[in-house]
PDB file of N, CA and C in Angstrom:
ATOM      1  N   MET A   1     -13.762   0.356   1.802  1.00  0.00           N
ATOM      2  CA  MET A   1     -13.838   1.577   1.697  1.00  0.00           C
ATOM      3  C   MET A   1     -14.640   2.864   1.808  1.00  0.00           C
ATOM      4  N   GLU A   2     -14.435   3.647   2.843  1.00  0.00           N
ATOM      5  CA  GLU A   2     -15.824   4.850   2.460  1.00  0.00           C
ATOM      6  C   GLU A   2     -16.140   6.120   1.911  1.00  0.00           C
ATOM      7  N   LEU A   3     -16.992   6.211   1.550  1.00  0.00           N
ATOM      8  CA  LEU A   3     -16.806   7.076   0.357  1.00  0.00           C
ATOM      9  C   LEU A   3     -17.492   8.290   1.075  1.00  0.00           C
ATOM     10  N   GLY A   4     -17.169   9.708   0.808  1.00  0.00           N
ATOM     11  CA  GLY A   4     -17.819  10.796   1.780  1.00  0.00           C
ATOM     12  C   GLY A   4     -19.052  11.673   0.825  1.00  0.00           C
ATOM     13  N   LYS A   5     -19.547  12.378   0.703  1.00  0.00           N
ATOM     14  CA  LYS A   5     -20.739  12.541   0.104  1.00  0.00           C
ATOM     15  C   LYS A   5     -20.166  12.962  -1.758  1.00  0.00           C
ATOM     16  N   GLY A   6     -21.161  12.560  -2.445  1.00  0.00           N
ATOM     17  CA  GLY A   6     -20.363  13.259  -3.771  1.00  0.00           C
ATOM     18  C   GLY A   6     -19.867  12.314  -4.354  1.00  0.00           C
ATOM     19  N   GLN A   7     -19.035  11.571  -3.618  1.00  0.00           N
ATOM     20  CA  GLN A   7     -17.490  10.539  -4.255  1.00  0.00           C
ATOM     21  C   GLN A   7     -18.251   9.026  -4.923  1.00  0.00           C
ATOM     22  N   ARG A   8     -18.322   8.385  -6.054  1.00  0.00           N
ATOM     23  CA  ARG A   8     -18.338   7.317  -6.429  1.00  0.00           C
ATOM     24  C   ARG A   8     -17.676   5.888  -6.351  1.00  0.00           C
ATOM     25  N   PRO A   9     -17.522   4.959  -6.094  1.00  0.00           N
ATOM     26  CA  PRO A   9     -16.736   4.027  -5.928  1.00  0.00           C
ATOM     27  C   PRO A   9     -16.175   4.011  -7.462  1.00  0.00           C
ATOM     28  N   PRO A  10     -14.724   2.920  -7.247  1.00  0.00           N
ATOM     29  CA  PRO A  10     -13.538   3.086  -8.435  1.00  0.00           C
ATOM     30  C   PRO A  10     -13.951   2.143  -9.462  1.00  0.00           C
ATOM     31  N   CYS A  11     -13.899   2.682 -10.600  1.00  0.00           N
ATOM     32  CA  CYS A  11     -14.920   1.297 -11.302  1.00  0.00           C
ATOM     33  C   CYS A  11     -13.918   1.286 -12.701  1.00  0.00           C
ATOM     34  N   ILE A  12     -13.686  -0.175 -12.920  1.00  0.00           N
ATOM     35  CA  ILE A  12     -12.893  -0.348 -14.328  1.00  0.00           C
ATOM     36  C   ILE A  12     -13.734   0.185 -15.656  1.00  0.00           C
ATOM     37  N   GLU A  13     -13.123   0.763 -16.248  1.00  0.00           N
ATOM     38  CA  GLU A  13     -14.055   0.844 -17.380  1.00  0.00           C
ATOM     39  C   GLU A  13     -13.915  -0.479 -18.568  1.00  0.00           C
ATOM     40  N   LEU A  14     -14.394  -0.643 -19.268  1.00  0.00           N
ATOM     41  CA  LEU A  14     -14.781  -1.716 -20.262  1.00  0.00           C
ATOM     42  C   LEU A  14     -14.547  -0.853 -20.980  1.00  0.00           C
ATOM     43  N   ILE A  15     -13.662  -1.289 -22.331  1.00  0.00           N
ATOM     44  CA  ILE A  15     -13.520  -1.367 -23.697  1.00  0.00           C
ATOM     45  C   ILE A  15     -14.588  -1.563 -24.999  1.00  0.00           C
ATOM     46  N   ASP A  16     -15.539  -1.311 -25.477  1.00  0.00           N
ATOM     47  CA  ASP A  16     -16.616  -1.372 -26.571  1.00  0.00           C
ATOM     48  C   ASP A  16     -16.130  -2.247 -27.490  1.00  0.00           C
ATOM     49  N   GLU A  17     -16.590  -3.511 -26.901  1.00  0.00           N
ATOM     50  CA  GLU A  17     -16.625  -4.290 -27.504  1.00  0.00           C
ATOM     51  C   GLU A  17     -16.201  -4.725 -29.558  1.00  0.00           C
ATOM     52  N   ASP A  18     -17.110  -3.456 -30.664  1.00  0.00           N
ATOM     53  CA  ASP A  18     -16.313  -2.996 -31.739  1.00  0.00           C
ATOM     54  C   ASP A  18     -15.098  -3.093 -31.733  1.00  0.00           C
ATOM     55  N   VAL A  19     -14.959  -2.046 -30.618  1.00  0.00           N
ATOM     56  CA  VAL A  19     -13.838  -1.042 -30.632  1.00  0.00           C
ATOM     57  C   VAL A  19     -12.502  -2.525 -30.754  1.00  0.00           C
ATOM     58  N   ALA A  20     -12.803  -3.476 -29.402  1.00  0.00           N
ATOM     59  CA  ALA A  20     -12.120  -4.029 -28.939  1.00  0.00           C
ATOM     60  C   ALA A  20     -11.395  -5.405 -30.417  1.00  0.00           C
ATOM     61  N   ARG A  21     -12.786  -5.159 -31.350  1.00  0.00           N
ATOM     62  CA  ARG A  21     -12.851  -6.130 -32.517  1.00  0.00           C
ATOM     63  C   ARG A  21     -11.894  -6.063 -33.598  1.00  0.00           C
ATOM     64  N   ILE A  22     -11.911  -4.698 -33.022  1.00  0.00           N
ATOM     65  CA  ILE A  22     -11.295  -4.323 -34.614  1.00  0.00           C
ATOM     66  C   ILE A  22      -9.793  -3.778 -34.323  1.00  0.00           C
ATOM     67  N   LEU A  23      -9.701  -3.307 -32.586  1.00  0.00           N
ATOM     68  CA  LEU A  23      -8.437  -3.475 -32.414  1.00  0.00           C
ATOM     69  C   LEU A  23      -7.287  -5.172 -32.643  1.00  0.00           C
ATOM     70  N   ARG A  24      -8.195  -5.970 -32.576  1.00  0.00           N
ATOM     71  CA  ARG A  24      -8.129  -7.180 -32.669  1.00  0.00           C
ATOM     72  C   ARG A  24      -6.978  -7.605 -33.655  1.00  0.00           C
ATOM     73  N   GLY A  25      -7.999  -7.214 -34.578  1.00  0.00           N
ATOM     74  CA  GLY A  25      -7.267  -8.020 -36.009  1.00  0.00           C
ATOM     75  C   GLY A  25      -6.330  -6.901 -36.573  1.00  0.00           C
ATOM     76  N   MET A  26      -5.776  -5.972 -35.695  1.00  0.00           N
ATOM     77  CA  MET A  26      -5.014  -4.975 -36.020  1.00  0.00           C
ATOM     78  C   MET A  26      -3.153  -5.782 -35.843  1.00  0.00           C
ATOM     79  N   SER A  27      -2.513  -5.460 -36.658  1.00  0.00           N
ATOM     80  CA  SER A  27      -0.873  -5.604 -36.015  1.00  0.00           C
ATOM     81  C   SER A  27      -0.393  -5.271 -34.926  1.00  0.00           C
ATOM     82  N   GLY A  28       1.035  -5.637 -34.222  1.00  0.00           N
ATOM     83  CA  GLY A  28       0.554  -5.257 -33.161  1.00  0.00           C
ATOM     84  C   GLY A  28       1.731  -3.554 -33.648  1.00  0.00           C
ATOM     85  N   THR A  29       2.161  -3.649 -34.490  1.00  0.00           N
ATOM     86  CA  THR A  29       2.644  -2.343 -34.972  1.00  0.00           C
ATOM     87  C   THR A  29       1.766  -1.266 -35.002  1.00  0.00           C
ATOM     88  N   LYS A  30       0.720  -2.103 -35.914  1.00  0.00           N
ATOM     89  CA  LYS A  30      -0.080  -0.516 -35.846  1.00  0.00           C
ATOM     90  C   LYS A  30      -0.897  -0.672 -34.407  1.00  0.00           C
ATOM     91  N   ARG A  31      -0.899  -1.236 -33.860  1.00  0.00           N
ATOM     92  CA  ARG A  31      -1.856  -0.792 -32.147  1.00  0.00           C
ATOM     93  C   ARG A  31      -0.623   0.035 -31.800  1.00  0.00           C
ATOM     94  N   LEU A  32       0.606  -0.699 -32.317  1.00  0.00           N
ATOM     95  CA  LEU A  32       1.482   0.388 -31.080  1.00  0.00           C
ATOM     96  C   LEU A  32       1.795   1.801 -31.391  1.00  0.00           C
ATOM     97  N   ARG A  33       1.884   1.952 -33.032  1.00  0.00           N
ATOM     98  CA  ARG A  33       1.471   3.516 -33.221  1.00  0.00           C
ATOM     99  C   ARG A  33       0.412   4.482 -32.939  1.00  0.00           C
ATOM    100  N   ILE A  34      -0.840   3.507 -33.237  1.00  0.00           N
ATOM    101  CA  ILE A  34      -2.071   4.339 -32.541  1.00  0.00           C
ATOM    102  C   ILE A  34      -1.508   4.972 -31.335  1.00  0.00           C
ATOM    103  N   ALA A  35      -1.011   4.145 -30.321  1.00  0.00           N
ATOM    104  CA  ALA A  35      -0.768   4.192 -29.081  1.00  0.00           C
ATOM    105  C   ALA A  35       0.151   5.274 -28.752  1.00  0.00           C
ATOM    106  N   SER A  36       1.518   5.572 -29.126  1.00  0.00           N
ATOM    107  CA  SER A  36       2.019   6.097 -29.987  1.00  0.00           C
ATOM    108  C   SER A  36       1.402   7.931 -30.013  1.00  0.00           C
ATOM    109  N   GLU A  37       0.832   7.273 -30.917  1.00  0.00           N
ATOM    110  CA  GLU A  37       0.292   8.933 -31.690  1.00  0.00           C
ATOM    111  C   GLU A  37      -0.653   9.415 -30.669  1.00  0.00           C
ATOM    112  N   MET A  38      -1.617   8.612 -30.116  1.00  0.00           N
ATOM    113  CA  MET A  38      -2.013   9.088 -29.059  1.00  0.00           C
ATOM    114  C   MET A  38      -1.481   9.830 -27.870  1.00  0.00           C
ATOM    115  N   TYR A  39      -0.548   9.295 -27.352  1.00  0.00           N
ATOM    116  CA  TYR A  39       0.756  10.029 -26.672  1.00  0.00           C
ATOM    117  C   TYR A  39       1.245  11.272 -26.614  1.00  0.00           C
ATOM    118  N   ARG A  40       1.317  10.852 -27.752  1.00  0.00           N
ATOM    119  CA  ARG A  40       1.724  12.822 -28.457  1.00  0.00           C
ATOM    120  C   ARG A  40       1.202  13.493 -28.764  1.00  0.00           C
ATOM    121  N   LYS A  41       0.201  13.401 -28.983  1.00  0.00           N
ATOM    122  CA  LYS A  41      -0.519  14.701 -29.235  1.00  0.00           C
ATOM    123  C   LYS A  41      -1.812  14.965 -27.467  1.00  0.00           C
ATOM    124  N   THR A  42      -1.802  14.013 -27.070  1.00  0.00           N
ATOM    125  CA  THR A  42      -1.639  14.123 -25.748  1.00  0.00           C
ATOM    126  C   THR A  42      -0.764  15.335 -25.161  1.00  0.00           C
ATOM    127  N   ARG A  43       0.377  14.869 -25.298  1.00  0.00           N
ATOM    128  CA  ARG A  43       1.524  15.913 -24.471  1.00  0.00           C
ATOM    129  C   ARG A  43       1.517  17.153 -25.227  1.00  0.00           C
ATOM    130  N   LEU A  44       1.590  16.983 -26.186  1.00  0.00           N
ATOM    131  CA  LEU A  44       1.048  18.774 -27.431  1.00  0.00           C
ATOM    132  C   LEU A  44       0.007  19.131 -26.738  1.00  0.00           C
ATOM    133  N   LEU A  45      -1.392  18.786 -25.888  1.00  0.00           N
ATOM    134  CA  LEU A  45      -2.006  19.646 -26.163  1.00  0.00           C
ATOM    135  C   LEU A  45      -2.197  20.029 -24.634  1.00  0.00           C
ATOM    136  N   LEU A  46      -1.578  19.125 -23.740  1.00  0.00           N
ATOM    137  CA  LEU A  46      -1.354  19.619 -22.016  1.00  0.00           C
ATOM    138  C   LEU A  46       0.245  20.829 -22.215  1.00  0.00           C
ATOM    139  N   ILE A  47       1.290  20.518 -23.117  1.00  0.00           N
ATOM    140  CA  ILE A  47       1.721  21.451 -23.068  1.00  0.00           C
ATOM    141  C   ILE A  47       1.180  22.828 -23.670  1.00  0.00           C
ATOM    142  N   GLY A  48       0.156  22.589 -24.012  1.00  0.00           N
ATOM    143  CA  GLY A  48      -0.341  24.374 -24.695  1.00  0.00           C
ATOM    144  C   GLY A  48      -1.639  25.045 -23.506  1.00  0.00           C
ATOM    145  N   TYR A  49      -1.824  23.796 -22.923  1.00  0.00           N
ATOM    146  CA  TYR A  49      -3.254  24.395 -21.814  1.00  0.00           C
ATOM    147  C   TYR A  49      -1.865  24.604 -20.996  1.00  0.00           C
ATOM    148  N   LEU A  50      -0.707  24.012 -20.354  1.00  0.00           N
ATOM    149  CA  LEU A  50       0.200  24.934 -19.362  1.00  0.00           C
ATOM    150  C   LEU A  50       0.869  25.817 -19.422  1.00  0.00           C
ATOM    151  N   ARG A  51       0.983  26.218 -21.000  1.00  0.00           N
ATOM    152  CA  ARG A  51       1.694  27.737 -20.825  1.00  0.00           C
ATOM    153  C   ARG A  51       0.521  28.408 -21.349  1.00  0.00           C
ATOM    154  N   HIS A  52      -0.813  28.016 -21.438  1.00  0.00           N
ATOM    155  CA  HIS A  52      -1.395  29.212 -21.604  1.00  0.00           C
ATOM    156  C   HIS A  52      -2.362  29.450 -20.010  1.00  0.00           C
ATOM    157  N   GLU A  53      -2.347  28.434 -19.138  1.00  0.00           N
ATOM    158  CA  GLU A  53      -2.445  28.297 -17.477  1.00  0.00           C
ATOM    159  C   GLU A  53      -1.333  29.443 -17.115  1.00  0.00           C
ATOM    160  N   HIS A  54      -0.332  29.125 -17.577  1.00  0.00           N
ATOM    161  CA  HIS A  54       1.032  29.439 -17.211  1.00  0.00           C
ATOM    162  C   HIS A  54       2.188  29.943 -17.454  1.00  0.00           C
ATOM    163  N   PRO A  55       1.928  31.979 -18.146  1.00  0.00           N
ATOM    164  CA  PRO A  55       2.238  32.424 -18.903  1.00  0.00           C
ATOM    165  C   PRO A  55       3.345  32.927 -18.342  1.00  0.00           C
ATOM    166  N   ASP A  56       3.533  33.011 -17.083  1.00  0.00           N
ATOM    167  CA  ASP A  56       5.132  33.062 -16.422  1.00  0.00           C
ATOM    168  C   ASP A  56       6.343  31.988 -16.227  1.00  0.00           C
ATOM    169  N   TRP A  57       5.572  30.551 -16.699  1.00  0.00           N
ATOM    170  CA  TRP A  57       6.204  29.974 -16.688  1.00  0.00           C
ATOM    171  C   TRP A  57       7.706  29.759 -17.544  1.00  0.00           C
ATOM    172  N   ASP A  58       8.647  29.198 -17.714  1.00  0.00           N
ATOM    173  CA  ASP A  58       9.902  29.109 -18.766  1.00  0.00           C
ATOM    174  C   ASP A  58       9.238  27.769 -19.218  1.00  0.00           C
ATOM    175  N   GLU A  59      10.127  26.985 -20.156  1.00  0.00           N
ATOM    176  CA  GLU A  59       9.572  26.483 -21.273  1.00  0.00           C
ATOM    177  C   GLU A  59      10.140  24.890 -20.357  1.00  0.00           C
ATOM    178  N   GLY A  60      11.834  24.815 -20.074  1.00  0.00           N
ATOM    179  CA  GLY A  60      11.529  23.729 -19.370  1.00  0.00           C
ATOM    180  C   GLY A  60      10.759  23.643 -17.687  1.00  0.00           C
ATOM    181  N   GLN A  61       9.859  24.278 -17.399  1.00  0.00           N
ATOM    182  CA  GLN A  61       8.777  24.018 -15.993  1.00  0.00           C
ATOM    183  C   GLN A  61       7.872  23.464 -17.023  1.00  0.00           C
ATOM    184  N   VAL A  62       7.112  24.211 -18.470  1.00  0.00           N
ATOM    185  CA  VAL A  62       6.425  23.161 -19.162  1.00  0.00           C
ATOM    186  C   VAL A  62       6.001  22.184 -19.509  1.00  0.00           C
ATOM    187  N   LYS A  63       7.128  21.739 -19.115  1.00  0.00           N
ATOM    188  CA  LYS A  63       7.517  20.817 -19.742  1.00  0.00           C
ATOM    189  C   LYS A  63       7.882  19.345 -18.977  1.00  0.00           C
ATOM    190  N   ARG A  64       8.795  19.845 -17.640  1.00  0.00           N
ATOM    191  CA  ARG A  64       8.287  19.300 -16.717  1.00  0.00           C
ATOM    192  C   ARG A  64       7.826  18.679 -15.714  1.00  0.00           C
ATOM    193  N   GLU A  65       6.604  20.448 -15.981  1.00  0.00           N
ATOM    194  CA  GLU A  65       4.987  19.660 -15.551  1.00  0.00           C
ATOM    195  C   GLU A  65       4.175  18.655 -15.883  1.00  0.00           C
ATOM    196  N   ALA A  66       4.125  19.077 -17.919  1.00  0.00           N
ATOM    197  CA  ALA A  66       3.795  17.647 -18.560  1.00  0.00           C
ATOM    198  C   ALA A  66       3.876  16.553 -18.721  1.00  0.00           C
ATOM    199  N   ILE A  67       5.421  16.499 -18.171  1.00  0.00           N
ATOM    200  CA  ILE A  67       6.270  14.614 -18.246  1.00  0.00           C
ATOM    201  C   ILE A  67       5.453  14.317 -16.527  1.00  0.00           C
ATOM    202  N   ARG A  68       5.530  15.825 -15.552  1.00  0.00           N
ATOM    203  CA  ARG A  68       5.052  14.896 -14.245  1.00  0.00           C
ATOM    204  C   ARG A  68       3.934  14.461 -13.925  1.00  0.00           C
ATOM    205  N   ARG A  69       2.789  15.297 -15.199  1.00  0.00           N
ATOM    206  CA  ARG A  69       0.753  14.510 -14.911  1.00  0.00           C
ATOM    207  C   ARG A  69       1.161  13.726 -15.908  1.00  0.00           C
ATOM    208  N   MET A  70       1.905  13.697 -17.089  1.00  0.00           N
ATOM    209  CA  MET A  70       1.585  12.370 -17.783  1.00  0.00           C
ATOM    210  C   MET A  70       1.955  11.187 -16.900  1.00  0.00           C
ATOM    211  N   SER A  71       2.971  10.768 -16.381  1.00  0.00           N
ATOM    212  CA  SER A  71       3.843   9.954 -15.370  1.00  0.00           C
ATOM    213  C   SER A  71       3.037   9.821 -13.980  1.00  0.00           C
ATOM    214  N   HIS A  72       2.058  10.747 -13.969  1.00  0.00           N
ATOM    215  CA  HIS A  72       0.968  10.204 -12.534  1.00  0.00           C
ATOM    216  C   HIS A  72       2.851  10.706 -11.161  1.00  0.00           C
ATOM    217  N   GLY A  73       2.870  11.813 -11.589  1.00  0.00           N
ATOM    218  CA  GLY A  73       4.413  11.990 -10.142  1.00  0.00           C
ATOM    219  C   GLY A  73       5.564  11.022 -10.692  1.00  0.00           C
ATOM    220  N   ALA A  74       5.794  10.091 -11.396  1.00  0.00           N
ATOM    221  CA  ALA A  74       6.445   8.624 -11.618  1.00  0.00           C
ATOM    222  C   ALA A  74       8.284   9.798 -11.653  1.00  0.00           C
ATOM    223  N   VAL A  75       8.152  10.361 -12.563  1.00  0.00           N
ATOM    224  CA  VAL A  75       9.353  11.686 -12.332  1.00  0.00           C
ATOM    225  C   VAL A  75       9.442  12.209 -11.844  1.00  0.00           C
TER     226      VAL A  75
END
């Protein structure tokens, strides 16, 4: 892969070892609850941002765009 000026190669970000240790100490249910809450809050923030950026959009357009962005265009 050839990179253009100012581009950097893709990288895999590693989780901090302290965070990994804390997560390993949690039950699967608790980790799932945390992930679900992060998803919910991200969706709400994105919807608020889209409403601000596109005041002419109706609620359906805002929600469809939020879903599209959060699913990386898979929906």
